[in-house]
């Protein structure tokens, strides 16, 4: 409100000066002055357009790394690696290693919601330690600290923190402490994960199972 009053006051002062200037202005206009004003206006317009184009290009190239108040950038998770655990020729569990995205505030993984989409449908997965009572939850993930110097898990609060999210696919209970959901992934299957933090910022992860799983115990997805 204070800022609005200041702006209104400034506008009123500008209007008063404009009226005073008009009352005392000579009706004649120097063509040279008019041409100069037009050239200056064109120059300012061109500069503004150039700066706008440059800002657009920079924004498109650096959306994920720039710091901003937009929660879609500052408070999202960075998924560093994705691994599938193999049993009987299928991926029966998935592990994600996550960290803070550049510039992110601390993120509590108990507030994270994962939307898992594959050929079998859509599942909603939350932390096993979550207090969430949201309806439509199909499974849970277990959180394990990998690098956590100050024992803050399940909260990521330092750039070097690394936590593992483990999800169990199907009903074989391959991940203790997590409720299974969906179905195991077959060779060459795809899945898309949308990982959303408590602030509403999201990261999208795409998983692809290798064409062959023969003899493998774990594969990179």
Protein backbone atom coordinates (compact mmCIF):
# COMPACT_ATOMS: atom_id res chain seq x y z
CA UNK A 1 0.00 0.00 0.00
CA UNK A 2 2.86 2.40 0.80
CA UNK A 3 4.42 1.70 -2.57
CA UNK A 4 1.10 2.40 -4.31
CA UNK A 5 0.75 5.74 -2.52
CA UNK A 6 4.27 6.73 -3.52
CA UNK A 7 3.59 5.81 -7.16
CA UNK A 8 0.29 7.73 -7.14
CA UNK A 9 2.05 10.73 -5.64
CA UNK A 10 4.75 10.60 -8.26
CA UNK A 11 2.12 10.32 -11.00
CA UNK A 12 0.29 13.37 -9.70
CA UNK A 13 3.52 15.41 -9.63
CA UNK A 14 4.31 14.36 -13.19
CA UNK A 15 0.85 15.34 -14.35
CA UNK A 16 1.17 18.80 -12.71
CA UNK A 17 4.52 19.41 -14.41
CA UNK A 18 3.08 18.29 -17.75
CA UNK A 19 0.19 20.75 -17.49
CA UNK A 20 2.51 23.57 -16.52
CA UNK A 21 4.76 22.77 -19.46
CA UNK A 22 1.85 22.78 -21.90
CA UNK A 23 0.64 26.22 -20.68
CA UNK A 24 4.01 27.75 -21.31
CA UNK A 25 5.01 25.89 -24.47
CA UNK A 26 5.66 27.66 -27.75
CA UNK A 27 3.14 26.47 -30.41
CA UNK A 28 5.88 26.29 -33.02
CA UNK A 29 7.87 23.06 -33.32
CA UNK A 30 11.34 22.81 -34.74
CA UNK A 31 11.36 20.04 -37.42
CA UNK A 32 14.92 19.15 -36.44
CA UNK A 33 13.81 18.58 -32.85
CA UNK A 34 10.92 16.40 -34.04
CA UNK A 35 13.22 14.30 -36.20
CA UNK A 36 15.63 13.92 -33.31
CA UNK A 37 12.87 12.77 -30.99
CA UNK A 38 11.61 10.25 -33.57
CA UNK A 39 15.11 8.85 -34.06
CA UNK A 40 15.66 8.62 -30.32
CA UNK A 41 12.30 6.84 -29.86
CA UNK A 42 13.10 4.39 -32.67
CA UNK A 43 16.51 3.73 -31.14
CA UNK A 44 15.01 3.06 -27.69
CA UNK A 45 12.35 0.79 -29.19
CA UNK A 46 14.97 -1.20 -31.11
CA UNK A 47 17.14 -1.53 -28.00
CA UNK A 48 14.18 -2.70 -25.95
CA UNK A 49 13.28 -5.30 -28.58
CA UNK A 50 16.90 -6.50 -28.73
CA UNK A 51 17.09 -6.81 -24.95
CA UNK A 52 13.77 -8.68 -24.91
CA UNK A 53 14.99 -11.16 -27.54
CA UNK A 54 18.24 -11.69 -25.65
CA UNK A 55 16.39 -12.29 -22.36
CA UNK A 56 14.13 -14.81 -24.09
CA UNK A 57 17.07 -16.72 -25.54
CA UNK A 58 18.92 -16.73 -22.22
CA UNK A 59 15.78 -17.90 -20.41
CA UNK A 60 15.28 -20.79 -22.83
CA UNK A 61 18.89 -21.90 -22.45
CA UNK A 62 19.16 -21.56 -18.67
CA UNK A 63 15.76 -22.29 -17.16
CA UNK A 64 17.05 -25.15 -15.02
CA UNK A 65 20.10 -23.38 -13.58
CA UNK A 66 19.11 -19.77 -12.97
CA UNK A 67 18.04 -18.69 -9.50
CA UNK A 68 14.57 -17.18 -9.26
CA UNK A 69 11.65 -16.93 -6.91
CA UNK A 70 9.70 -19.30 -9.19
CA UNK A 71 9.32 -22.55 -7.20
CA UNK A 72 9.38 -24.49 -10.45
CA UNK A 73 13.08 -23.67 -10.59
CA UNK A 74 14.32 -23.08 -7.05
CA UNK A 75 12.69 -25.84 -5.02
CA UNK A 76 12.81 -28.85 -7.30
CA UNK A 77 14.76 -32.07 -6.92
CA UNK A 78 17.64 -33.03 -9.17
CA UNK A 79 17.48 -36.75 -10.04
CA UNK A 80 21.12 -37.82 -10.43
CA UNK A 81 20.74 -41.50 -11.30
CA UNK A 82 18.08 -44.15 -11.91
CA UNK A 83 18.70 -47.87 -11.37
CA UNK A 84 16.44 -50.87 -11.84
CA UNK A 85 16.80 -54.02 -9.75
CA UNK A 86 16.25 -57.17 -11.79
CA UNK A 87 14.58 -60.44 -10.80
CA UNK A 88 13.35 -63.19 -13.10
CA UNK A 89 13.94 -61.12 -16.24
CA UNK A 90 11.97 -58.09 -15.04
CA UNK A 91 12.71 -54.82 -13.26
CA UNK A 92 11.00 -55.32 -9.92
CA UNK A 93 12.31 -52.25 -8.06
CA UNK A 94 13.59 -48.80 -8.97
CA UNK A 95 16.06 -46.62 -7.10
CA UNK A 96 16.50 -42.86 -7.61
CA UNK A 97 19.45 -40.88 -6.23
CA UNK A 98 18.31 -37.31 -5.64
CA UNK A 99 19.88 -34.01 -4.63
CA UNK A 100 18.88 -30.36 -4.39
CA UNK A 101 18.63 -28.50 -7.69
CA UNK A 102 20.93 -25.45 -7.90
CA UNK A 103 19.58 -22.66 -5.72
CA UNK A 104 16.96 -24.83 -4.06
CA UNK A 105 15.82 -24.36 -0.49
CA UNK A 106 15.83 -27.42 1.83
CA UNK A 107 13.41 -30.12 0.67
CA UNK A 108 11.68 -32.60 2.96
CA UNK A 109 11.21 -35.87 1.08
CA UNK A 110 8.24 -36.67 3.30
CA UNK A 111 6.41 -33.99 1.32
CA UNK A 112 7.39 -35.39 -2.09
CA UNK A 113 4.77 -36.99 -4.34
CA UNK A 114 5.75 -39.15 -7.33
CA UNK A 115 3.34 -39.72 -10.19
CA UNK A 116 4.40 -42.92 -11.98
CA UNK A 117 3.03 -43.47 -15.49
CA UNK A 118 3.73 -46.59 -17.58
CA UNK A 119 1.93 -48.98 -19.91
CA UNK A 120 -0.08 -50.36 -17.00
CA UNK A 121 -1.53 -47.03 -15.92
CA UNK A 122 -0.83 -44.25 -13.41
CA UNK A 123 0.18 -44.64 -9.76
CA UNK A 124 0.71 -42.08 -7.02
CA UNK A 125 3.62 -42.81 -4.67
CA UNK A 126 4.53 -41.00 -1.43
CA UNK A 127 7.22 -41.43 1.22
CA UNK A 128 6.76 -44.36 3.59
CA UNK A 129 7.50 -41.93 6.44
CA UNK A 130 4.98 -39.40 5.13
CA UNK A 131 2.07 -38.19 7.22
CA UNK A 132 0.08 -37.70 4.04
CA UNK A 133 -3.53 -38.87 4.13
CA UNK A 134 -4.25 -37.99 0.51
CA UNK A 135 -6.64 -40.29 -1.29
CA UNK A 136 -5.54 -42.10 -4.43
CA UNK A 137 -2.10 -43.10 -3.09
CA UNK A 138 -1.06 -46.43 -4.60
CA UNK A 139 2.32 -47.08 -2.99
CA UNK A 140 5.22 -45.70 -0.96
CA UNK A 141 8.96 -45.21 -1.41
CA UNK A 142 11.68 -45.80 1.17
CA UNK A 143 14.29 -43.11 1.83
CA UNK A 144 17.93 -44.01 2.53
CA UNK A 145 20.73 -41.47 3.15
CA UNK A 146 23.77 -41.81 0.88
CA UNK A 147 25.59 -38.57 1.77
CA UNK A 148 24.20 -36.65 4.75
CA UNK A 149 26.89 -34.93 6.82
CA UNK A 150 24.50 -33.44 9.38
CA UNK A 151 22.06 -36.38 9.63
CA UNK A 152 19.18 -34.28 8.29
CA UNK A 153 17.55 -37.13 6.31
CA UNK A 154 14.88 -37.29 5.02
CA UNK A 155 15.51 -33.57 4.50
CA UNK A 156 17.93 -32.42 1.83
CA UNK A 157 19.49 -29.21 3.12
CA UNK A 158 22.99 -29.08 1.61
CA UNK A 159 24.17 -29.14 -2.03
CA UNK A 160 26.26 -32.27 -1.34
CA UNK A 161 23.40 -34.24 0.26
CA UNK A 162 22.39 -37.40 -1.58
CA UNK A 163 19.35 -39.52 -0.70
CA UNK A 164 18.07 -42.69 -2.33
CA UNK A 165 14.38 -43.28 -3.04
CA UNK A 166 13.50 -46.97 -3.43
CA UNK A 167 10.22 -48.12 -5.01
CA UNK A 168 8.85 -51.65 -5.17
CA UNK A 169 7.04 -52.68 -8.36
CA UNK A 170 4.42 -55.37 -7.99
CA UNK A 171 3.72 -57.48 -4.91
CA UNK A 172 7.01 -59.32 -4.34
CA UNK A 173 8.16 -57.03 -1.50
CA UNK A 174 11.63 -56.55 -2.99
CA UNK A 175 12.00 -53.26 -1.08
CA UNK A 176 11.51 -53.58 2.66
CA UNK A 177 9.72 -50.67 4.27
CA UNK A 178 7.94 -49.66 1.04
CA UNK A 179 4.48 -50.60 -0.25
CA UNK A 180 4.58 -52.04 -3.76
CA UNK A 181 2.46 -50.70 -6.61
CA UNK A 182 1.87 -51.33 -10.30
CA UNK A 183 3.62 -54.13 -12.16
CA UNK A 184 7.29 -55.03 -12.82
CA UNK A 185 8.77 -53.55 -15.99
CA UNK A 186 9.53 -55.82 -18.93
CA UNK A 187 12.53 -55.37 -21.26
CA UNK A 188 12.21 -52.23 -23.45
CA UNK A 189 9.36 -50.89 -21.31
CA UNK A 190 9.12 -47.16 -20.58
CA UNK A 191 7.94 -45.21 -17.56
CA UNK A 192 7.65 -41.49 -16.83
CA UNK A 193 7.94 -40.12 -13.30
CA UNK A 194 6.83 -36.66 -12.24
CA UNK A 195 8.51 -35.86 -8.92
CA UNK A 196 6.81 -32.97 -7.11
CA UNK A 197 8.10 -31.31 -3.93
CA UNK A 198 6.00 -29.78 -1.16
CA UNK A 199 6.31 -26.34 -2.79
CA UNK A 200 4.79 -27.64 -6.03
CA UNK A 201 8.03 -27.69 -8.06
CA UNK A 202 8.34 -30.71 -10.36
CA UNK A 203 11.04 -32.70 -12.12
CA UNK A 204 10.25 -35.21 -14.88
CA UNK A 205 12.22 -38.44 -15.15
CA UNK A 206 11.94 -40.88 -18.06
CA UNK A 207 12.95 -44.50 -17.56
CA UNK A 208 13.71 -47.02 -20.32
CA UNK A 209 14.45 -50.68 -19.59
CA UNK A 210 17.25 -52.23 -21.67
CA UNK A 211 16.28 -54.69 -24.39
CA UNK A 212 17.84 -57.59 -22.51
CA UNK A 213 18.03 -58.26 -18.79
CA UNK A 214 19.55 -61.73 -19.01
CA UNK A 215 22.08 -62.31 -16.24
CA UNK A 216 21.69 -58.77 -14.83
CA UNK A 217 20.97 -57.98 -11.21
CA UNK A 218 20.78 -54.21 -11.72
CA UNK A 219 20.60 -51.98 -14.79
CA UNK A 220 20.73 -48.27 -15.50
CA UNK A 221 17.35 -46.97 -16.63
